[in-house]
Amino acid sequence: MFSPNFFCVCLFAVFFFGTNAFAGKSELTTYYPTPYGEYGSLQAKRLSVGDANGDGQLSSADQANQDGHLRLKPQDGYPQNWDAGQTGEFAYSSKKNALYHYNGSAWVE
């Protein structure tokens, strides 16, 4: 009923594809949260924004130390020299050691 070639192809397919399915390993790559998106609710125990420790890369070393902490990448220069932000934006000044927000016209401590 089936030719020997068909049987060999089926046996090869089961062996080649089936062994990966039963190997006990799988890899899944996700991109969450997406680079841009809208969320009705987002909750985190700790939050870091940018290269908070200044080593030139994003890694676990940038993470906030405790639950409820927010860690920001420090901004260079003085706030009065920064580019205009968007209303409600936050930034940390490494020169002033203070947190600033943009009120729509200026960075305010």
C-alpha atoms as a PDB file:
ATOM      1  CA  MET A   1       0.000   0.000   0.000  1.00  0.00           C
ATOM      2  CA  PHE A   2       2.788   2.510   0.938  1.00  0.00           C
ATOM      3  CA  SER A   3       6.043   2.588  -0.947  1.00  0.00           C
ATOM      4  CA  PRO A   4       9.309   1.986   0.954  1.00  0.00           C
ATOM      5  CA  ASN A   5      10.407   5.551   0.123  1.00  0.00           C
ATOM      6  CA  PHE A   6       7.266   7.012   1.722  1.00  0.00           C
ATOM      7  CA  PHE A   7       7.838   4.866   4.817  1.00  0.00           C
ATOM      8  CA  CYS A   8      11.477   6.046   5.070  1.00  0.00           C
ATOM      9  CA  VAL A   9      10.491   9.701   4.721  1.00  0.00           C
ATOM     10  CA  CYS A  10       7.847   9.332   7.433  1.00  0.00           C
ATOM     11  CA  LEU A  11      10.274   7.533   9.733  1.00  0.00           C
ATOM     12  CA  PHE A  12      12.899  10.247   9.171  1.00  0.00           C
ATOM     13  CA  ALA A  13      10.345  13.015   9.881  1.00  0.00           C
ATOM     14  CA  VAL A  14       9.195  11.367  13.109  1.00  0.00           C
ATOM     15  CA  PHE A  15      12.770  10.833  14.250  1.00  0.00           C
ATOM     16  CA  PHE A  16      14.051  14.293  13.268  1.00  0.00           C
ATOM     17  CA  PHE A  17      11.103  16.397  14.438  1.00  0.00           C
ATOM     18  CA  GLY A  18       9.844  14.114  17.193  1.00  0.00           C
ATOM     19  CA  THR A  19      13.096  13.929  19.161  1.00  0.00           C
ATOM     20  CA  ASN A  20      13.122  17.712  19.659  1.00  0.00           C
ATOM     21  CA  ALA A  21       9.564  17.616  20.954  1.00  0.00           C
ATOM     22  CA  PHE A  22      10.460  15.031  23.612  1.00  0.00           C
ATOM     23  CA  ALA A  23      13.888  16.372  24.532  1.00  0.00           C
ATOM     24  CA  GLY A  24      12.509  18.285  27.512  1.00  0.00           C
ATOM     25  CA  LYS A  25      13.912  21.597  26.306  1.00  0.00           C
ATOM     26  CA  SER A  26      12.130  24.442  24.672  1.00  0.00           C
ATOM     27  CA  GLU A  27      12.991  28.064  24.086  1.00  0.00           C
ATOM     28  CA  LEU A  28      10.538  30.896  23.941  1.00  0.00           C
ATOM     29  CA  THR A  29      11.513  34.462  23.188  1.00  0.00           C
ATOM     30  CA  THR A  30       9.093  37.152  24.231  1.00  0.00           C
ATOM     31  CA  TYR A  31       9.172  40.894  24.007  1.00  0.00           C
ATOM     32  CA  TYR A  32       7.215  42.012  27.045  1.00  0.00           C
ATOM     33  CA  PRO A  33       6.568  44.705  27.675  1.00  0.00           C
ATOM     34  CA  THR A  34       6.632  45.813  24.084  1.00  0.00           C
ATOM     35  CA  PRO A  35       8.818  48.837  23.306  1.00  0.00           C
ATOM     36  CA  TYR A  36       5.711  50.920  22.682  1.00  0.00           C
ATOM     37  CA  GLY A  37       2.235  50.151  23.834  1.00  0.00           C
ATOM     38  CA  GLU A  38      -0.712  51.086  25.930  1.00  0.00           C
ATOM     39  CA  TYR A  39      -1.613  49.314  29.127  1.00  0.00           C
ATOM     40  CA  GLY A  40      -4.681  49.744  31.270  1.00  0.00           C
ATOM     41  CA  SER A  41      -2.700  48.605  34.299  1.00  0.00           C
ATOM     42  CA  LEU A  42       0.965  47.877  34.874  1.00  0.00           C
ATOM     43  CA  GLN A  43       2.424  46.922  38.221  1.00  0.00           C
ATOM     44  CA  ALA A  44       5.990  46.222  39.270  1.00  0.00           C
ATOM     45  CA  LYS A  45       7.649  45.685  42.629  1.00  0.00           C
ATOM     46  CA  ARG A  46      10.813  47.469  41.478  1.00  0.00           C
ATOM     47  CA  LEU A  47      11.371  49.674  38.450  1.00  0.00           C
ATOM     48  CA  SER A  48      14.521  50.864  36.724  1.00  0.00           C
ATOM     49  CA  VAL A  49      14.687  53.204  33.746  1.00  0.00           C
ATOM     50  CA  GLY A  50      17.789  53.301  31.568  1.00  0.00           C
ATOM     51  CA  ASP A  51      21.408  52.517  32.424  1.00  0.00           C
ATOM     52  CA  ALA A  52      21.002  53.441  36.087  1.00  0.00           C
ATOM     53  CA  ASN A  53      24.526  52.471  37.166  1.00  0.00           C
ATOM     54  CA  GLY A  54      26.257  54.133  34.182  1.00  0.00           C
ATOM     55  CA  ASP A  55      28.257  51.095  32.997  1.00  0.00           C
ATOM     56  CA  GLY A  56      27.081  51.442  29.380  1.00  0.00           C
ATOM     57  CA  GLN A  57      24.784  48.429  29.326  1.00  0.00           C
ATOM     58  CA  LEU A  58      21.400  47.355  30.605  1.00  0.00           C
ATOM     59  CA  SER A  59      21.736  44.488  33.073  1.00  0.00           C
ATOM     60  CA  SER A  60      20.488  43.272  36.431  1.00  0.00           C
ATOM     61  CA  ALA A  61      23.027  45.642  38.023  1.00  0.00           C
ATOM     62  CA  ASP A  62      20.718  48.521  37.002  1.00  0.00           C
ATOM     63  CA  GLN A  63      17.799  47.173  39.016  1.00  0.00           C
ATOM     64  CA  ALA A  64      16.383  48.944  42.048  1.00  0.00           C
ATOM     65  CA  ASN A  65      17.435  47.325  45.352  1.00  0.00           C
ATOM     66  CA  GLN A  66      14.109  47.068  47.171  1.00  0.00           C
ATOM     67  CA  ASP A  67      10.433  46.668  46.436  1.00  0.00           C
ATOM     68  CA  GLY A  68       8.756  50.021  45.923  1.00  0.00           C
ATOM     69  CA  HIS A  69      11.932  51.695  44.624  1.00  0.00           C
ATOM     70  CA  LEU A  70      12.318  53.542  41.331  1.00  0.00           C
ATOM     71  CA  ARG A  71      15.809  53.874  39.855  1.00  0.00           C
ATOM     72  CA  LEU A  72      16.500  56.310  37.001  1.00  0.00           C
ATOM     73  CA  LYS A  73      19.493  56.846  34.762  1.00  0.00           C
ATOM     74  CA  PRO A  74      21.148  60.027  36.114  1.00  0.00           C
ATOM     75  CA  GLN A  75      21.142  62.975  33.695  1.00  0.00           C
ATOM     76  CA  ASP A  76      24.310  64.986  33.082  1.00  0.00           C
ATOM     77  CA  GLY A  77      24.523  68.736  33.456  1.00  0.00           C
ATOM     78  CA  TYR A  78      22.204  71.081  35.274  1.00  0.00           C
ATOM     79  CA  PRO A  79      18.424  70.903  34.860  1.00  0.00           C
ATOM     80  CA  GLN A  80      18.192  74.476  33.544  1.00  0.00           C
ATOM     81  CA  ASN A  81      20.387  73.340  30.601  1.00  0.00           C
ATOM     82  CA  TRP A  82      18.404  70.193  29.770  1.00  0.00           C
ATOM     83  CA  ASP A  83      16.196  70.045  26.705  1.00  0.00           C
ATOM     84  CA  ALA A  84      12.523  70.681  27.346  1.00  0.00           C
ATOM     85  CA  GLY A  85      10.666  67.614  28.525  1.00  0.00           C
ATOM     86  CA  GLN A  86       7.029  66.697  28.318  1.00  0.00           C
ATOM     87  CA  THR A  87       4.666  67.656  31.115  1.00  0.00           C
ATOM     88  CA  GLY A  88       4.884  65.061  33.897  1.00  0.00           C
ATOM     89  CA  GLU A  89       8.268  63.680  32.839  1.00  0.00           C
ATOM     90  CA  PHE A  90      10.776  62.836  35.598  1.00  0.00           C
ATOM     91  CA  ALA A  91      14.585  62.938  35.571  1.00  0.00           C
ATOM     92  CA  TYR A  92      17.333  62.600  38.154  1.00  0.00           C
ATOM     93  CA  SER A  93      20.135  65.192  38.143  1.00  0.00           C
ATOM     94  CA  SER A  94      23.593  63.790  38.865  1.00  0.00           C
ATOM     95  CA  LYS A  95      24.911  67.352  39.399  1.00  0.00           C
ATOM     96  CA  LYS A  96      22.243  68.405  41.910  1.00  0.00           C
ATOM     97  CA  ASN A  97      21.564  64.931  43.386  1.00  0.00           C
ATOM     98  CA  ALA A  98      17.852  65.618  43.130  1.00  0.00           C
ATOM     99  CA  LEU A  99      14.753  64.389  41.333  1.00  0.00           C
ATOM    100  CA  TYR A 100      13.100  66.810  38.898  1.00  0.00           C
ATOM    101  CA  HIS A 101       9.835  66.857  36.989  1.00  0.00           C
ATOM    102  CA  TYR A 102       8.887  68.885  33.939  1.00  0.00           C
ATOM    103  CA  ASN A 103       5.857  71.098  34.641  1.00  0.00           C
ATOM    104  CA  GLY A 104       5.261  72.154  31.044  1.00  0.00           C
ATOM    105  CA  SER A 105       7.703  75.053  31.000  1.00  0.00           C
ATOM    106  CA  ALA A 106      10.664  74.151  33.249  1.00  0.00           C
ATOM    107  CA  TRP A 107      12.354  71.357  35.191  1.00  0.00           C
ATOM    108  CA  VAL A 108      11.293  71.708  38.843  1.00  0.00           C
ATOM    109  CA  GLU A 109      12.947  70.023  41.852  1.00  0.00           C
END
